[in-house]
C-alpha atoms as a PDB file:
ATOM      1  CA  MET A   1      -2.304 -15.899   7.485  1.00  0.00           C
ATOM      2  CA  PRO A   2      -4.082 -12.840   8.853  1.00  0.00           C
ATOM      3  CA  PRO A   3      -5.049 -10.047   6.455  1.00  0.00           C
ATOM      4  CA  ILE A   4      -2.125  -7.810   5.496  1.00  0.00           C
ATOM      5  CA  THR A   5      -2.180  -4.120   6.327  1.00  0.00           C
ATOM      6  CA  ILE A   6      -0.647  -2.341   3.308  1.00  0.00           C
ATOM      7  CA  PRO A   7       1.175   0.881   4.232  1.00  0.00           C
ATOM      8  CA  VAL A   8       1.387   3.690   1.706  1.00  0.00           C
ATOM      9  CA  VAL A   9       3.844   6.633   1.952  1.00  0.00           C
ATOM     10  CA  LEU A  10       2.141  10.009   1.253  1.00  0.00           C
ATOM     11  CA  ALA A  11       3.598  13.462   0.813  1.00  0.00           C
ATOM     12  CA  TRP A  12       2.263  15.896   3.408  1.00  0.00           C
ATOM     13  CA  GLY A  13       2.523  19.669   3.894  1.00  0.00           C
ATOM     14  CA  THR A  14       3.724  22.327   1.507  1.00  0.00           C
ATOM     15  CA  PRO A  15       6.598  22.148  -0.992  1.00  0.00           C
ATOM     16  CA  LYS A  16       8.635  24.364   1.365  1.00  0.00           C
ATOM     17  CA  HIS A  17       7.860  22.186   4.389  1.00  0.00           C
ATOM     18  CA  LEU A  18       7.357  18.793   2.791  1.00  0.00           C
ATOM     19  CA  ARG A  19       6.861  15.841   5.156  1.00  0.00           C
ATOM     20  CA  TYR A  20       5.715  12.264   4.715  1.00  0.00           C
ATOM     21  CA  VAL A  21       3.189  10.074   6.539  1.00  0.00           C
ATOM     22  CA  ILE A  22       2.259   6.445   6.345  1.00  0.00           C
ATOM     23  CA  MET A  23      -1.372   5.628   5.682  1.00  0.00           C
ATOM     24  CA  ASP A  24      -2.913   2.198   5.156  1.00  0.00           C
ATOM     25  CA  THR A  25      -5.469   1.194   2.585  1.00  0.00           C
ATOM     26  CA  ASP A  26      -8.266   1.568   5.201  1.00  0.00           C
ATOM     27  CA  GLY A  27      -7.483   5.261   5.679  1.00  0.00           C
ATOM     28  CA  ARG A  28      -5.700   4.947   9.003  1.00  0.00           C
ATOM     29  CA  TYR A  29      -2.450   6.807   9.900  1.00  0.00           C
ATOM     30  CA  TRP A  30       0.690   5.250  11.392  1.00  0.00           C
ATOM     31  CA  THR A  31       1.433   6.649  14.849  1.00  0.00           C
ATOM     32  CA  GLY A  32       4.738   4.904  15.393  1.00  0.00           C
ATOM     33  CA  LYS A  33       3.123   2.312  17.609  1.00  0.00           C
ATOM     34  CA  GLY A  34      -0.073   1.487  15.763  1.00  0.00           C
ATOM     35  CA  TRP A  35      -2.802   2.801  13.548  1.00  0.00           C
ATOM     36  CA  ALA A  36      -5.147   5.749  14.265  1.00  0.00           C
ATOM     37  CA  THR A  37      -7.998   7.317  12.330  1.00  0.00           C
ATOM     38  CA  CYS A  38      -7.034  10.854  13.416  1.00  0.00           C
ATOM     39  CA  GLN A  39      -4.504  12.377  11.046  1.00  0.00           C
ATOM     40  CA  ARG A  40      -3.046  14.614  13.792  1.00  0.00           C
ATOM     41  CA  GLN A  41      -1.710  11.435  15.476  1.00  0.00           C
ATOM     42  CA  ALA A  42       0.344  10.480  12.410  1.00  0.00           C
ATOM     43  CA  VAL A  43       4.130  10.335  12.636  1.00  0.00           C
ATOM     44  CA  LEU A  44       5.642  12.942  10.310  1.00  0.00           C
ATOM     45  CA  PHE A  45       8.823  11.869   8.487  1.00  0.00           C
ATOM     46  CA  ALA A  46      11.171  14.552   7.170  1.00  0.00           C
ATOM     47  CA  ASP A  47      12.616  12.174   4.578  1.00  0.00           C
ATOM     48  CA  HIS A  48      10.868   9.881   2.057  1.00  0.00           C
ATOM     49  CA  ASN A  49      13.473   7.226   2.528  1.00  0.00           C
ATOM     50  CA  ASP A  50      12.847   7.092   6.299  1.00  0.00           C
ATOM     51  CA  ALA A  51       9.109   6.807   5.696  1.00  0.00           C
ATOM     52  CA  ASN A  52       9.637   3.974   3.204  1.00  0.00           C
ATOM     53  CA  TYR A  53      11.943   2.172   5.638  1.00  0.00           C
ATOM     54  CA  ALA A  54       9.253   2.387   8.387  1.00  0.00           C
ATOM     55  CA  ALA A  55       6.603   1.190   5.937  1.00  0.00           C
ATOM     56  CA  GLY A  56       8.770  -1.762   5.090  1.00  0.00           C
ATOM     57  CA  HIS A  57       9.096  -2.680   8.782  1.00  0.00           C
ATOM     58  CA  ILE A  58       5.312  -2.556   9.126  1.00  0.00           C
ATOM     59  CA  LEU A  59       4.960  -5.037   6.281  1.00  0.00           C
ATOM     60  CA  LEU A  60       7.823  -7.144   7.539  1.00  0.00           C
ATOM     61  CA  LYS A  61       5.802  -7.949  10.717  1.00  0.00           C
ATOM     62  CA  HIS A  62       3.482 -10.061   8.563  1.00  0.00           C
ATOM     63  CA  PHE A  63       6.303 -12.036   6.949  1.00  0.00           C
ATOM     64  CA  ARG A  64       8.908 -12.295   9.723  1.00  0.00           C
ATOM     65  CA  ARG A  65       8.475 -16.066  10.116  1.00  0.00           C
ATOM     66  CA  SER A  66       8.763 -16.858   6.421  1.00  0.00           C
ATOM     67  CA  PRO A  67      11.092 -19.855   6.017  1.00  0.00           C
ATOM     68  CA  VAL A  68      12.802 -18.505   2.890  1.00  0.00           C
ATOM     69  CA  TYR A  69      14.807 -15.299   2.458  1.00  0.00           C
ATOM     70  CA  GLN A  70      16.386 -14.324  -0.825  1.00  0.00           C
ATOM     71  CA  GLN A  71      18.147 -11.172  -1.976  1.00  0.00           C
ATOM     72  CA  PHE A  72      18.407  -9.923  -5.523  1.00  0.00           C
ATOM     73  CA  VAL A  73      20.337  -6.930  -6.830  1.00  0.00           C
ATOM     74  CA  VAL A  74      19.075  -4.751  -9.682  1.00  0.00           C
ATOM     75  CA  PRO A  75      21.463  -2.012 -10.745  1.00  0.00           C
ATOM     76  CA  LEU A  76      20.176   1.554 -10.769  1.00  0.00           C
ATOM     77  CA  GLU A  77      21.891   3.616 -13.432  1.00  0.00           C
ATOM     78  CA  MET A  78      22.120   7.391 -13.157  1.00  0.00           C
ATOM     79  CA  ARG A  79      23.316   9.097 -16.345  1.00  0.00           C
ATOM     80  CA  VAL A  80      24.788  12.513 -15.500  1.00  0.00           C
ATOM     81  CA  PHE A  81      25.251  15.171 -18.122  1.00  0.00           C
ATOM     82  CA  ALA A  82      27.075  18.332 -16.917  1.00  0.00           C
ATOM     83  CA  ASP A  83      29.569  21.029 -17.929  1.00  0.00           C
ATOM     84  CA  ALA A  84      32.061  19.547 -15.504  1.00  0.00           C
ATOM     85  CA  GLU A  85      32.697  16.281 -13.612  1.00  0.00           C
ATOM     86  CA  ILE A  86      30.338  15.575 -10.738  1.00  0.00           C
ATOM     87  CA  SER A  87      31.834  13.924  -7.695  1.00  0.00           C
ATOM     88  CA  PRO A  88      30.264  10.613  -6.543  1.00  0.00           C
ATOM     89  CA  ALA A  89      29.676  12.227  -3.109  1.00  0.00           C
ATOM     90  CA  ASP A  90      27.767  15.167  -4.621  1.00  0.00           C
ATOM     91  CA  LEU A  91      25.748  12.815  -6.770  1.00  0.00           C
ATOM     92  CA  LYS A  92      24.937  10.598  -3.843  1.00  0.00           C
ATOM     93  CA  GLN A  93      23.847  13.549  -1.699  1.00  0.00           C
ATOM     94  CA  PHE A  94      21.598  14.807  -4.487  1.00  0.00           C
ATOM     95  CA  ALA A  95      20.189  11.407  -5.380  1.00  0.00           C
ATOM     96  CA  LYS A  96      19.336  10.513  -1.765  1.00  0.00           C
ATOM     97  CA  LYS A  97      17.015  13.541  -1.757  1.00  0.00           C
ATOM     98  CA  ALA A  98      15.714  13.384  -5.332  1.00  0.00           C
ATOM     99  CA  VAL A  99      15.461   9.723  -6.273  1.00  0.00           C
ATOM    100  CA  LYS A 100      12.634   7.786  -4.588  1.00  0.00           C
ATOM    101  CA  LEU A 101      11.780   4.143  -4.769  1.00  0.00           C
ATOM    102  CA  SER A 102       8.530   2.663  -3.538  1.00  0.00           C
ATOM    103  CA  ALA A 103       6.352  -0.300  -4.369  1.00  0.00           C
ATOM    104  CA  LEU A 104       2.708  -0.102  -5.508  1.00  0.00           C
ATOM    105  CA  TYR A 105       1.507  -2.749  -3.062  1.00  0.00           C
ATOM    106  CA  PRO A 106      -2.140  -1.603  -3.049  1.00  0.00           C
ATOM    107  CA  ASN A 107      -2.300  -2.141  -6.815  1.00  0.00           C
ATOM    108  CA  HIS A 108      -0.235  -5.331  -7.149  1.00  0.00           C
ATOM    109  CA  GLY A 109       0.059  -7.049  -3.767  1.00  0.00           C
ATOM    110  CA  THR A 110       3.146  -7.513  -1.611  1.00  0.00           C
ATOM    111  CA  GLY A 111       4.949 -10.033  -3.858  1.00  0.00           C
ATOM    112  CA  PRO A 112       4.608 -12.505  -6.702  1.00  0.00           C
ATOM    113  CA  THR A 113       2.650 -14.892  -4.433  1.00  0.00           C
ATOM    114  CA  PRO A 114       0.067 -14.057  -1.742  1.00  0.00           C
ATOM    115  CA  THR A 115       2.421 -15.195   0.999  1.00  0.00           C
ATOM    116  CA  SER A 116       5.530 -13.286  -0.224  1.00  0.00           C
ATOM    117  CA  LEU A 117       6.896  -9.842   0.468  1.00  0.00           C
ATOM    118  CA  VAL A 118       9.253  -7.900  -1.819  1.00  0.00           C
ATOM    119  CA  LEU A 119      10.951  -4.922  -0.105  1.00  0.00           C
ATOM    120  CA  PRO A 120      12.803  -2.764  -2.644  1.00  0.00           C
ATOM    121  CA  ARG A 121      15.410  -0.339  -1.400  1.00  0.00           C
ATOM    122  CA  LEU A 122      18.144   1.860  -2.810  1.00  0.00           C
ATOM    123  CA  ASN A 123      21.369   0.955  -1.009  1.00  0.00           C
ATOM    124  CA  TRP A 124      23.349   4.190  -1.452  1.00  0.00           C
ATOM    125  CA  SER A 125      26.319   2.804   0.446  1.00  0.00           C
ATOM    126  CA  ARG A 126      27.018   0.494  -2.456  1.00  0.00           C
ATOM    127  CA  MET A 127      27.019   3.218  -5.132  1.00  0.00           C
ATOM    128  CA  THR A 128      29.935   2.842  -7.535  1.00  0.00           C
ATOM    129  CA  GLN A 129      31.118   4.603 -10.698  1.00  0.00           C
ATOM    130  CA  PRO A 130      31.991   2.301 -13.580  1.00  0.00           C
ATOM    131  CA  ILE A 131      35.630   2.679 -14.676  1.00  0.00           C
ATOM    132  CA  ASN A 132      34.583   3.052 -18.336  1.00  0.00           C
ATOM    133  CA  SER A 133      31.843   5.624 -18.002  1.00  0.00           C
ATOM    134  CA  ASP A 134      30.562   6.871 -21.345  1.00  0.00           C
ATOM    135  CA  ARG A 135      32.099  10.315 -20.960  1.00  0.00           C
ATOM    136  CA  ASP A 136      31.523  11.409 -24.559  1.00  0.00           C
ATOM    137  CA  LEU A 137      28.155   9.649 -25.021  1.00  0.00           C
ATOM    138  CA  HIS A 138      26.123  12.834 -25.649  1.00  0.00           C
ATOM    139  CA  ILE A 139      28.766  14.411 -27.921  1.00  0.00           C
ATOM    140  CA  ASN A 140      28.713  11.659 -30.541  1.00  0.00           C
ATOM    141  CA  GLU A 141      24.933  11.627 -30.981  1.00  0.00           C
END
């Protein structure tokens, strides 16, 4: 198996005009078609989720021919405390901007074995609200 290029999503710009770029562990920037050493050639992503998705596709090129595919689901819980009910649509819109998920591949590798890839993602289309939410959880403490 050829060496794996590990993409890392980095914040770029100012807080008012925040963008994201993909850089590899050799200091090269993703151009959308390949890697370049000039940062001006880097693709700028307006959204962290879009940059993470692109970084996942870059990694996937190394593992596309893997004979085994498995999918696991790990629930993400978001506890919301507010003066009034928050609609699921409002929470989803907020969370898509504020909650970020990425993997620390440069520190830990791409998976539990050298020839495996774990691509975490937040699938906002499957967000649900449990019927028995703990509405009075913070009042009884």
